[in-house]
Structures are given as structure tokens and as C-alpha cells.
């Protein structure tokens, strides 16, 4: 199912971006990278990826603010978002409790369980 699917990786940690790019590329996905939320939103608008992985704790613009802006944009709102963060379960509950934005389509705590992430992405893109 990865054929011709593009995933935008938004994370301020170069090591995490490299890991995700390698993992996803090895499984046939095309990847784009952004180092912060502002860059990620701009790239999402330009490229219209099939899925976005989004870190929460980033400089420039937090992942929470970026997520809200993604879901408020009619052109981007349909793109599934997988939140990937070291903040873990408290952030998942926080995001799910926000009434003004829909729940993220996926949630993954760091350190990343690559098999679980690949399955989640495949399911969201099928």
C-alpha cells in the first residue's frame, strides 16, 4: 500500500527525522522533512502529503499549534496525522480532550516502536 504515498515528517530532532525517513523509505514511502511546525505547515500546503507525522515539542511553533492549524485548514484537514512525541500518554489525553479540534488519527510515544508505527501508517493509508 506504500506505492506512491508521501509522508511528511515534522520533527525538530535530526536523528528522529533520519530514523523515520530511513524506516519509511525502506518500506516504499516517499518522505518529506520539516524541522519545525511552521516549515511543516508550509510544506503540507505545497506538497499535500498523504500522511503527516508530527512531533509535539518543537521550537518556532509547537506541534499542538501546528496540529490545530492543519485541522482548521479545509485543504489539509483530511490528511491523517500521527502524533509522535516523547511527552507520551498525558499529551494523548490532552489532545483528545480538546473539543475544538478532532482527535489525531494516530498516536505514537517515543521511543518509536517501528512495527507498530508501520502498521498504523499502513492502516491509515489503506
N, C-alpha and C. Protein backbone atom coordinates (compact mmCIF):
# COMPACT_ATOMS: atom_id res chain seq x y z
N UNK A 1 0.82 -1.21 0.00
CA UNK A 1 0.00 0.00 0.00
C UNK A 1 0.86 1.26 0.00
N UNK A 2 2.17 1.14 0.14
CA UNK A 2 3.02 2.32 0.25
C UNK A 2 3.31 2.96 -1.10
N UNK A 3 2.92 2.29 -2.19
CA UNK A 3 3.23 2.78 -3.53
C UNK A 3 2.69 4.19 -3.75
N UNK A 4 3.60 5.09 -4.10
CA UNK A 4 3.26 6.48 -4.40
C UNK A 4 2.66 7.26 -3.23
N UNK A 5 2.82 6.80 -2.02
CA UNK A 5 2.31 7.52 -0.85
C UNK A 5 3.44 8.38 -0.28
N UNK A 6 3.10 9.64 0.01
CA UNK A 6 4.09 10.58 0.54
C UNK A 6 3.76 10.90 1.99
N UNK A 7 4.79 10.83 2.83
CA UNK A 7 4.64 11.12 4.26
C UNK A 7 5.53 12.30 4.61
N UNK A 8 4.93 13.30 5.24
CA UNK A 8 5.66 14.46 5.73
C UNK A 8 6.05 14.21 7.19
N UNK A 9 7.34 14.26 7.46
CA UNK A 9 7.88 14.06 8.81
C UNK A 9 8.18 15.44 9.39
N UNK A 10 7.51 15.80 10.49
CA UNK A 10 7.75 17.09 11.14
C UNK A 10 8.29 16.82 12.54
N UNK A 11 9.58 17.09 12.71
CA UNK A 11 10.25 16.85 14.00
C UNK A 11 11.50 17.71 14.05
N UNK A 12 11.75 18.32 15.20
CA UNK A 12 12.92 19.19 15.31
C UNK A 12 14.22 18.43 15.55
N UNK A 13 14.13 17.14 15.86
CA UNK A 13 15.33 16.35 16.11
C UNK A 13 15.81 15.69 14.82
N UNK A 14 17.01 16.08 14.32
CA UNK A 14 17.53 15.49 13.09
C UNK A 14 17.63 13.97 13.14
N UNK A 15 17.99 13.41 14.31
CA UNK A 15 18.11 11.95 14.43
C UNK A 15 16.76 11.26 14.23
N UNK A 16 15.71 11.86 14.75
CA UNK A 16 14.37 11.28 14.60
C UNK A 16 13.94 11.36 13.15
N UNK A 17 14.18 12.51 12.52
CA UNK A 17 13.83 12.65 11.09
C UNK A 17 14.58 11.63 10.25
N UNK A 18 15.87 11.45 10.53
CA UNK A 18 16.68 10.48 9.78
C UNK A 18 16.15 9.06 9.98
N UNK A 19 15.84 8.72 11.23
CA UNK A 19 15.31 7.39 11.54
C UNK A 19 14.00 7.15 10.80
N UNK A 20 13.06 8.11 10.90
CA UNK A 20 11.77 7.94 10.25
C UNK A 20 11.90 7.91 8.73
N UNK A 21 12.76 8.77 8.19
CA UNK A 21 12.96 8.79 6.74
C UNK A 21 13.49 7.43 6.27
N UNK A 22 14.47 6.87 6.97
CA UNK A 22 15.03 5.57 6.61
C UNK A 22 13.98 4.47 6.72
N UNK A 23 13.28 4.45 7.83
CA UNK A 23 12.26 3.42 8.07
C UNK A 23 11.18 3.47 7.00
N UNK A 24 10.66 4.66 6.75
CA UNK A 24 9.56 4.79 5.80
C UNK A 24 10.02 4.58 4.36
N UNK A 25 11.20 5.09 4.02
CA UNK A 25 11.74 4.89 2.66
C UNK A 25 11.99 3.41 2.39
N UNK A 26 12.51 2.71 3.40
CA UNK A 26 12.77 1.27 3.26
C UNK A 26 11.48 0.49 3.00
N UNK A 27 10.34 1.07 3.37
CA UNK A 27 9.05 0.41 3.17
C UNK A 27 8.27 1.02 2.02
N UNK A 28 8.96 1.75 1.15
CA UNK A 28 8.38 2.21 -0.09
C UNK A 28 7.70 3.56 -0.09
N UNK A 29 7.73 4.26 1.05
CA UNK A 29 7.09 5.57 1.10
C UNK A 29 8.06 6.65 0.62
N UNK A 30 7.52 7.69 0.02
CA UNK A 30 8.27 8.89 -0.30
C UNK A 30 8.16 9.78 0.93
N UNK A 31 9.27 10.40 1.34
CA UNK A 31 9.22 11.22 2.54
C UNK A 31 9.63 12.66 2.24
N UNK A 32 9.06 13.55 3.01
CA UNK A 32 9.43 14.97 3.04
C UNK A 32 9.74 15.28 4.49
N UNK A 33 10.61 16.25 4.73
CA UNK A 33 11.00 16.57 6.11
C UNK A 33 10.86 18.05 6.42
N UNK A 34 10.44 18.32 7.64
CA UNK A 34 10.37 19.69 8.16
C UNK A 34 10.91 19.68 9.58
N UNK A 35 11.68 20.71 9.93
CA UNK A 35 12.34 20.78 11.24
C UNK A 35 11.52 21.51 12.30
N UNK A 36 10.39 22.10 11.90
CA UNK A 36 9.54 22.77 12.89
C UNK A 36 8.11 22.88 12.33
N UNK A 37 7.20 23.33 13.17
CA UNK A 37 5.79 23.38 12.79
C UNK A 37 5.48 24.33 11.65
N UNK A 38 6.15 25.47 11.61
CA UNK A 38 5.90 26.44 10.55
C UNK A 38 6.33 25.87 9.20
N UNK A 39 7.54 25.31 9.18
CA UNK A 39 8.06 24.67 7.97
C UNK A 39 7.13 23.52 7.56
N UNK A 40 6.67 22.75 8.53
CA UNK A 40 5.78 21.62 8.27
C UNK A 40 4.47 22.05 7.62
N UNK A 41 3.86 23.12 8.15
CA UNK A 41 2.60 23.62 7.57
C UNK A 41 2.82 24.11 6.14
N UNK A 42 3.90 24.85 5.92
CA UNK A 42 4.20 25.35 4.57
C UNK A 42 4.38 24.19 3.59
N UNK A 43 5.12 23.18 4.02
CA UNK A 43 5.38 22.01 3.16
C UNK A 43 4.09 21.23 2.92
N UNK A 44 3.26 21.11 3.94
CA UNK A 44 1.98 20.41 3.79
C UNK A 44 1.12 21.13 2.74
N UNK A 45 1.10 22.46 2.79
CA UNK A 45 0.30 23.22 1.82
C UNK A 45 0.86 23.07 0.41
N UNK A 46 2.18 23.05 0.28
CA UNK A 46 2.82 22.92 -1.03
C UNK A 46 2.66 21.52 -1.62
N UNK A 47 2.90 20.50 -0.79
CA UNK A 47 3.03 19.13 -1.29
C UNK A 47 1.78 18.27 -1.12
N UNK A 48 0.88 18.65 -0.22
CA UNK A 48 -0.32 17.87 0.07
C UNK A 48 0.01 16.38 0.26
N UNK A 49 0.78 16.07 1.34
CA UNK A 49 1.18 14.67 1.57
C UNK A 49 -0.02 13.79 1.91
N UNK A 50 0.20 12.48 1.85
CA UNK A 50 -0.87 11.52 2.17
C UNK A 50 -1.03 11.33 3.66
N UNK A 51 0.04 11.63 4.43
CA UNK A 51 0.03 11.46 5.88
C UNK A 51 1.11 12.36 6.45
N UNK A 52 0.92 12.79 7.70
CA UNK A 52 1.91 13.63 8.39
C UNK A 52 2.23 13.00 9.73
N UNK A 53 3.54 12.87 10.03
CA UNK A 53 3.94 12.53 11.40
C UNK A 53 4.36 13.85 12.03
N UNK A 54 3.91 14.09 13.25
CA UNK A 54 4.08 15.39 13.87
C UNK A 54 4.55 15.26 15.31
N UNK A 55 5.71 15.85 15.59
CA UNK A 55 6.21 15.94 16.96
C UNK A 55 5.43 17.03 17.68
N UNK A 56 5.39 16.98 18.99
CA UNK A 56 4.66 17.98 19.78
C UNK A 56 5.58 19.09 20.26
N UNK A 57 6.72 18.72 20.84
CA UNK A 57 7.62 19.71 21.43
C UNK A 57 8.66 20.14 20.41
N UNK A 58 8.44 21.34 19.83
CA UNK A 58 9.34 21.87 18.81
C UNK A 58 9.48 23.38 18.98
N UNK A 59 10.62 23.92 18.54
CA UNK A 59 10.77 25.38 18.55
C UNK A 59 9.93 26.00 17.42
N UNK A 60 9.89 27.31 17.38
CA UNK A 60 9.17 28.07 16.35
C UNK A 60 7.65 27.99 16.55
N UNK A 61 7.12 26.78 16.47
CA UNK A 61 5.68 26.58 16.64
C UNK A 61 5.47 25.16 17.16
N UNK A 62 4.76 25.03 18.27
CA UNK A 62 4.56 23.71 18.86
C UNK A 62 3.75 22.81 17.94
N UNK A 63 3.88 21.52 18.17
CA UNK A 63 3.09 20.56 17.40
C UNK A 63 1.61 20.71 17.65
N UNK A 64 1.23 21.11 18.87
CA UNK A 64 -0.20 21.30 19.18
C UNK A 64 -0.76 22.43 18.32
N UNK A 65 -0.03 23.54 18.25
CA UNK A 65 -0.49 24.68 17.44
C UNK A 65 -0.50 24.29 15.96
N UNK A 66 0.52 23.58 15.51
CA UNK A 66 0.58 23.13 14.12
C UNK A 66 -0.59 22.20 13.81
N UNK A 67 -0.88 21.30 14.74
CA UNK A 67 -1.98 20.35 14.54
C UNK A 67 -3.31 21.11 14.40
N UNK A 68 -3.52 22.08 15.28
CA UNK A 68 -4.75 22.89 15.20
C UNK A 68 -4.86 23.58 13.84
N UNK A 69 -3.75 24.15 13.39
CA UNK A 69 -3.76 24.86 12.10
C UNK A 69 -4.00 23.89 10.94
N UNK A 70 -3.42 22.70 11.02
CA UNK A 70 -3.67 21.69 9.99
C UNK A 70 -5.15 21.35 9.91
N UNK A 71 -5.75 21.10 11.07
CA UNK A 71 -7.15 20.67 11.11
C UNK A 71 -8.12 21.82 10.84
N UNK A 72 -7.67 23.07 10.96
CA UNK A 72 -8.51 24.23 10.65
C UNK A 72 -8.47 24.58 9.16
N UNK A 73 -7.50 24.05 8.44
CA UNK A 73 -7.34 24.35 7.02
C UNK A 73 -8.14 23.32 6.21
N UNK A 74 -9.17 23.77 5.47
CA UNK A 74 -10.01 22.82 4.72
C UNK A 74 -9.23 21.95 3.73
N UNK A 75 -8.14 22.48 3.18
CA UNK A 75 -7.34 21.72 2.23
C UNK A 75 -6.45 20.67 2.91
N UNK A 76 -6.15 20.87 4.18
CA UNK A 76 -5.24 19.97 4.89
C UNK A 76 -5.94 19.08 5.92
N UNK A 77 -7.14 19.44 6.30
CA UNK A 77 -7.83 18.77 7.41
C UNK A 77 -8.04 17.27 7.18
N UNK A 78 -8.11 16.86 5.92
CA UNK A 78 -8.37 15.44 5.62
C UNK A 78 -7.11 14.58 5.69
N UNK A 79 -5.94 15.22 5.78
CA UNK A 79 -4.69 14.46 5.83
C UNK A 79 -4.56 13.81 7.22
N UNK A 80 -4.40 12.48 7.28
CA UNK A 80 -4.23 11.84 8.59
C UNK A 80 -2.92 12.30 9.25
N UNK A 81 -3.00 12.51 10.56
CA UNK A 81 -1.84 12.94 11.34
C UNK A 81 -1.55 11.91 12.42
N UNK A 82 -0.29 11.48 12.48
CA UNK A 82 0.17 10.62 13.56
C UNK A 82 1.08 11.47 14.44
N UNK A 83 0.65 11.69 15.67
CA UNK A 83 1.45 12.43 16.64
C UNK A 83 2.53 11.49 17.17
N UNK A 84 3.79 11.92 17.08
CA UNK A 84 4.91 11.14 17.61
C UNK A 84 5.64 12.03 18.60
N UNK A 85 5.62 11.64 19.87
CA UNK A 85 6.19 12.52 20.90
C UNK A 85 6.76 11.76 22.08
N UNK A 86 7.74 12.38 22.71
CA UNK A 86 8.32 11.83 23.94
C UNK A 86 7.45 12.17 25.14
N UNK A 87 6.50 13.09 24.96
CA UNK A 87 5.64 13.50 26.07
C UNK A 87 4.72 12.36 26.49
N UNK A 88 4.34 11.52 25.54
CA UNK A 88 3.61 10.30 25.86
C UNK A 88 2.14 10.48 26.18
N UNK A 89 1.65 9.57 27.03
CA UNK A 89 0.21 9.45 27.32
C UNK A 89 -0.46 10.73 27.78
N UNK A 90 0.16 11.54 28.66
CA UNK A 90 -0.53 12.77 29.06
C UNK A 90 -0.88 13.65 27.86
N UNK A 91 0.00 13.70 26.86
CA UNK A 91 -0.28 14.52 25.67
C UNK A 91 -1.40 13.91 24.85
N UNK A 92 -1.44 12.59 24.76
CA UNK A 92 -2.51 11.94 24.01
C UNK A 92 -3.87 12.29 24.63
N UNK A 93 -3.96 12.22 25.96
CA UNK A 93 -5.21 12.56 26.64
C UNK A 93 -5.55 14.04 26.47
N UNK A 94 -4.51 14.89 26.54
CA UNK A 94 -4.72 16.32 26.36
C UNK A 94 -5.31 16.61 24.98
N UNK A 95 -4.69 16.05 23.95
CA UNK A 95 -5.17 16.29 22.58
C UNK A 95 -6.59 15.76 22.39
N UNK A 96 -6.85 14.60 22.93
CA UNK A 96 -8.18 14.00 22.76
C UNK A 96 -9.25 14.75 23.55
N UNK A 97 -8.84 15.55 24.53
CA UNK A 97 -9.82 16.30 25.34
C UNK A 97 -10.15 17.65 24.72
N UNK A 98 -9.41 18.06 23.69
CA UNK A 98 -9.66 19.35 23.04
C UNK A 98 -10.91 19.25 22.17
N UNK A 99 -11.90 20.02 22.48
CA UNK A 99 -13.17 19.96 21.74
C UNK A 99 -13.08 20.69 20.41
N UNK A 100 -12.18 21.68 20.30
CA UNK A 100 -12.13 22.49 19.09
C UNK A 100 -11.43 21.81 17.92
N UNK A 101 -10.74 20.72 18.16
CA UNK A 101 -10.07 20.00 17.07
C UNK A 101 -10.39 18.51 17.16
N UNK A 102 -10.43 17.84 16.00
CA UNK A 102 -10.67 16.39 16.03
C UNK A 102 -9.47 15.65 16.62
N UNK A 103 -9.71 14.45 17.08
CA UNK A 103 -8.61 13.62 17.60
C UNK A 103 -7.62 13.34 16.48
N UNK A 104 -6.33 13.22 16.83
CA UNK A 104 -5.37 12.80 15.80
C UNK A 104 -5.72 11.38 15.37
N UNK A 105 -5.40 11.07 14.12
CA UNK A 105 -5.72 9.74 13.59
C UNK A 105 -4.83 8.66 14.20
N UNK A 106 -3.66 9.06 14.68
CA UNK A 106 -2.75 8.10 15.31
C UNK A 106 -1.89 8.78 16.35
N UNK A 107 -1.38 7.97 17.26
CA UNK A 107 -0.53 8.49 18.34
C UNK A 107 0.55 7.47 18.64
N UNK A 108 1.79 7.93 18.71
CA UNK A 108 2.93 7.05 18.99
C UNK A 108 3.87 7.74 19.97
N UNK A 109 4.16 7.07 21.07
CA UNK A 109 5.11 7.61 22.04
C UNK A 109 6.53 7.24 21.62
N UNK A 110 7.47 8.13 21.93
CA UNK A 110 8.89 7.83 21.72
C UNK A 110 9.37 7.10 22.96
N UNK A 111 10.27 6.16 22.90
CA UNK A 111 10.91 5.68 21.68
C UNK A 111 9.91 4.95 20.78
N UNK A 112 10.10 5.10 19.49
CA UNK A 112 9.16 4.60 18.49
C UNK A 112 9.26 3.09 18.32
N UNK A 113 8.11 2.44 18.40
CA UNK A 113 8.00 1.01 18.09
C UNK A 113 7.77 0.94 16.59
N UNK A 114 8.83 0.61 15.83
CA UNK A 114 8.73 0.72 14.39
C UNK A 114 7.68 -0.19 13.76
N UNK A 115 7.50 -1.40 14.27
CA UNK A 115 6.49 -2.30 13.71
C UNK A 115 5.08 -1.73 13.92
N UNK A 116 4.85 -1.22 15.11
CA UNK A 116 3.56 -0.63 15.45
C UNK A 116 3.29 0.61 14.58
N UNK A 117 4.32 1.44 14.40
CA UNK A 117 4.18 2.63 13.58
C UNK A 117 3.89 2.28 12.13
N UNK A 118 4.62 1.33 11.58
CA UNK A 118 4.40 0.91 10.17
C UNK A 118 2.99 0.37 9.98
N UNK A 119 2.51 -0.41 10.93
CA UNK A 119 1.15 -0.96 10.82
C UNK A 119 0.13 0.17 10.90
N UNK A 120 0.34 1.09 11.83
CA UNK A 120 -0.60 2.21 12.00
C UNK A 120 -0.66 3.03 10.69
N UNK A 121 0.49 3.33 10.12
CA UNK A 121 0.54 4.10 8.87
C UNK A 121 -0.13 3.34 7.73
N UNK A 122 0.20 2.05 7.60
CA UNK A 122 -0.41 1.24 6.53
C UNK A 122 -1.94 1.22 6.68
N UNK A 123 -2.42 1.06 7.90
CA UNK A 123 -3.87 1.05 8.14
C UNK A 123 -4.51 2.40 7.78
N UNK A 124 -3.85 3.50 8.14
CA UNK A 124 -4.40 4.82 7.86
C UNK A 124 -4.40 5.14 6.36
N UNK A 125 -3.45 4.58 5.63
CA UNK A 125 -3.34 4.87 4.21
C UNK A 125 -4.05 3.86 3.31
N UNK A 126 -4.65 2.83 3.94
CA UNK A 126 -5.30 1.80 3.10
C UNK A 126 -6.71 2.22 2.71
